[in-house]
Amino acid sequence: MTFENILIEPVLSEKTNELREQGKYVFKVASAASKIEIKEAVRKLFDVKVVDCTVMNVYGKMKRVRGRPGRTSSWKKAIVRLAPGETIKVFEGV
C-alpha cells in the first residue's frame, strides 16, 4: 500500500476542530492500515513528527432506504497526535 492510499480523507467536524487545537488530526484511513503505516504515511506526506496514533473502527449505522432497512458503510478512523509546535499547513488554511 502506498502512502497516498493509506490516508483516504481528513475528517472535518466541530469536534475535530477542537482536537486540532490540541495538536491532534483525524483521518479516514484504509481498513487494512496499521498504526505504524498510518504514522509513517502522515510523517512522509506532511513532513511532521508524529508522536502517537490512535485507531478505531466506526461501524455503519442502521438507516431506512425507501422503507426498507439498510446500513451505512463501516470505516476506520485514525487520530494522529503531532509533536508540540508541529502543524499540518493544509488544515490551517496557509
C-alpha atoms as a PDB file:
ATOM      1  CA  MET A   1       0.000   0.000   0.000  1.00  0.00           C
ATOM      2  CA  THR A   2       1.332   3.443  -0.877  1.00  0.00           C
ATOM      3  CA  PHE A   3       1.135   6.398   1.498  1.00  0.00           C
ATOM      4  CA  GLU A   4      -1.484   8.108  -0.668  1.00  0.00           C
ATOM      5  CA  ASN A   5      -3.730   5.035  -0.420  1.00  0.00           C
ATOM      6  CA  ILE A   6      -3.474   4.785   3.370  1.00  0.00           C
ATOM      7  CA  LEU A   7      -4.912   8.239   4.149  1.00  0.00           C
ATOM      8  CA  ILE A   8      -8.280   8.478   2.387  1.00  0.00           C
ATOM      9  CA  GLU A   9      -9.528  11.871   3.599  1.00  0.00           C
ATOM     10  CA  PRO A  10      -9.468  14.148   6.636  1.00  0.00           C
ATOM     11  CA  VAL A  11     -12.458  14.160   8.960  1.00  0.00           C
ATOM     12  CA  LEU A  12     -13.723  17.734   9.377  1.00  0.00           C
ATOM     13  CA  SER A  13     -16.246  18.468  12.119  1.00  0.00           C
ATOM     14  CA  GLU A  14     -16.599  20.681  15.170  1.00  0.00           C
ATOM     15  CA  LYS A  15     -15.086  18.017  17.395  1.00  0.00           C
ATOM     16  CA  THR A  16     -12.059  17.516  15.142  1.00  0.00           C
ATOM     17  CA  ASN A  17     -11.543  21.290  15.016  1.00  0.00           C
ATOM     18  CA  GLU A  18     -11.249  21.292  18.807  1.00  0.00           C
ATOM     19  CA  LEU A  19      -8.831  18.340  18.655  1.00  0.00           C
ATOM     20  CA  ARG A  20      -6.708  20.198  16.094  1.00  0.00           C
ATOM     21  CA  GLU A  21      -6.067  22.931  18.685  1.00  0.00           C
ATOM     22  CA  GLN A  22      -4.514  20.204  20.863  1.00  0.00           C
ATOM     23  CA  GLY A  23      -2.252  19.059  18.013  1.00  0.00           C
ATOM     24  CA  LYS A  24      -4.412  16.063  17.041  1.00  0.00           C
ATOM     25  CA  TYR A  25      -5.567  15.453  13.465  1.00  0.00           C
ATOM     26  CA  VAL A  26      -8.276  12.990  12.407  1.00  0.00           C
ATOM     27  CA  PHE A  27      -8.205  10.996   9.162  1.00  0.00           C
ATOM     28  CA  LYS A  28     -10.359   8.389   7.466  1.00  0.00           C
ATOM     29  CA  VAL A  29      -7.881   5.604   6.644  1.00  0.00           C
ATOM     30  CA  ALA A  30      -7.783   2.343   4.734  1.00  0.00           C
ATOM     31  CA  SER A  31      -9.289  -0.522   6.709  1.00  0.00           C
ATOM     32  CA  ALA A  32      -6.173  -2.684   6.258  1.00  0.00           C
ATOM     33  CA  ALA A  33      -3.753   0.026   7.503  1.00  0.00           C
ATOM     34  CA  SER A  34      -1.921  -0.459  10.794  1.00  0.00           C
ATOM     35  CA  LYS A  35      -0.856   2.205  13.300  1.00  0.00           C
ATOM     36  CA  ILE A  36       2.742   2.077  12.125  1.00  0.00           C
ATOM     37  CA  GLU A  37       1.738   2.505   8.468  1.00  0.00           C
ATOM     38  CA  ILE A  38      -0.521   5.452   9.337  1.00  0.00           C
ATOM     39  CA  LYS A  39       2.204   7.189  11.349  1.00  0.00           C
ATOM     40  CA  GLU A  40       4.702   6.725   8.526  1.00  0.00           C
ATOM     41  CA  ALA A  41       2.227   7.999   5.910  1.00  0.00           C
ATOM     42  CA  VAL A  42       1.485  11.195   7.876  1.00  0.00           C
ATOM     43  CA  ARG A  43       5.195  11.735   8.512  1.00  0.00           C
ATOM     44  CA  LYS A  44       6.141  11.339   4.847  1.00  0.00           C
ATOM     45  CA  LEU A  45       3.206  13.197   3.255  1.00  0.00           C
ATOM     46  CA  PHE A  46       3.082  16.224   5.572  1.00  0.00           C
ATOM     47  CA  ASP A  47       6.729  16.324   6.785  1.00  0.00           C
ATOM     48  CA  VAL A  48       5.831  16.412  10.503  1.00  0.00           C
ATOM     49  CA  LYS A  49       6.898  14.446  13.581  1.00  0.00           C
ATOM     50  CA  VAL A  50       4.178  12.050  14.769  1.00  0.00           C
ATOM     51  CA  VAL A  51       4.125  11.238  18.489  1.00  0.00           C
ATOM     52  CA  ASP A  52       1.101   8.947  18.777  1.00  0.00           C
ATOM     53  CA  CYS A  53      -1.638   7.318  16.711  1.00  0.00           C
ATOM     54  CA  THR A  54      -4.993   6.030  17.930  1.00  0.00           C
ATOM     55  CA  VAL A  55      -7.065   3.871  15.582  1.00  0.00           C
ATOM     56  CA  MET A  56     -10.713   2.867  15.833  1.00  0.00           C
ATOM     57  CA  ASN A  57     -13.319   1.174  13.677  1.00  0.00           C
ATOM     58  CA  VAL A  58     -16.511   3.180  13.121  1.00  0.00           C
ATOM     59  CA  TYR A  59     -19.372   0.812  12.461  1.00  0.00           C
ATOM     60  CA  GLY A  60     -22.140   1.694   9.993  1.00  0.00           C
ATOM     61  CA  LYS A  61     -25.462   2.930  11.298  1.00  0.00           C
ATOM     62  CA  MET A  62     -28.828   1.401  10.514  1.00  0.00           C
ATOM     63  CA  LYS A  63     -30.841   3.576   8.099  1.00  0.00           C
ATOM     64  CA  ARG A  64     -34.056   3.179   6.162  1.00  0.00           C
ATOM     65  CA  VAL A  65     -33.973   3.468   2.373  1.00  0.00           C
ATOM     66  CA  ARG A  66     -37.364   3.569   0.643  1.00  0.00           C
ATOM     67  CA  GLY A  67     -38.970   1.944   3.655  1.00  0.00           C
ATOM     68  CA  ARG A  68     -36.505  -0.925   3.813  1.00  0.00           C
ATOM     69  CA  PRO A  69     -33.741  -1.280   6.380  1.00  0.00           C
ATOM     70  CA  GLY A  70     -30.211  -0.583   5.224  1.00  0.00           C
ATOM     71  CA  ARG A  71     -26.818   0.231   6.674  1.00  0.00           C
ATOM     72  CA  THR A  72     -24.187   2.905   6.024  1.00  0.00           C
ATOM     73  CA  SER A  73     -20.637   1.758   5.344  1.00  0.00           C
ATOM     74  CA  SER A  74     -18.233   0.994   8.164  1.00  0.00           C
ATOM     75  CA  TRP A  75     -14.852   2.753   8.117  1.00  0.00           C
ATOM     76  CA  LYS A  76     -11.619   3.150  10.049  1.00  0.00           C
ATOM     77  CA  LYS A  77     -10.633   6.372  11.813  1.00  0.00           C
ATOM     78  CA  ALA A  78      -7.175   7.436  12.991  1.00  0.00           C
ATOM     79  CA  ILE A  79      -6.377  10.252  15.436  1.00  0.00           C
ATOM     80  CA  VAL A  80      -2.767  11.327  14.956  1.00  0.00           C
ATOM     81  CA  ARG A  81      -1.011  13.416  17.625  1.00  0.00           C
ATOM     82  CA  LEU A  82       1.893  15.571  16.487  1.00  0.00           C
ATOM     83  CA  ALA A  83       4.894  16.823  18.443  1.00  0.00           C
ATOM     84  CA  PRO A  84       4.412  20.185  20.210  1.00  0.00           C
ATOM     85  CA  GLY A  85       4.789  23.076  17.790  1.00  0.00           C
ATOM     86  CA  GLU A  86       4.118  20.939  14.693  1.00  0.00           C
ATOM     87  CA  THR A  87       1.114  21.659  12.460  1.00  0.00           C
ATOM     88  CA  ILE A  88      -0.185  20.448   9.119  1.00  0.00           C
ATOM     89  CA  LYS A  89      -0.428  23.577   6.974  1.00  0.00           C
ATOM     90  CA  VAL A  90      -3.171  22.168   4.725  1.00  0.00           C
ATOM     91  CA  PHE A  91      -5.583  22.221   7.682  1.00  0.00           C
ATOM     92  CA  GLU A  92      -4.549  25.686   8.841  1.00  0.00           C
ATOM     93  CA  GLY A  93      -5.513  27.323   5.543  1.00  0.00           C
ATOM     94  CA  VAL A  94      -1.991  28.605   4.790  1.00  0.00           C
END
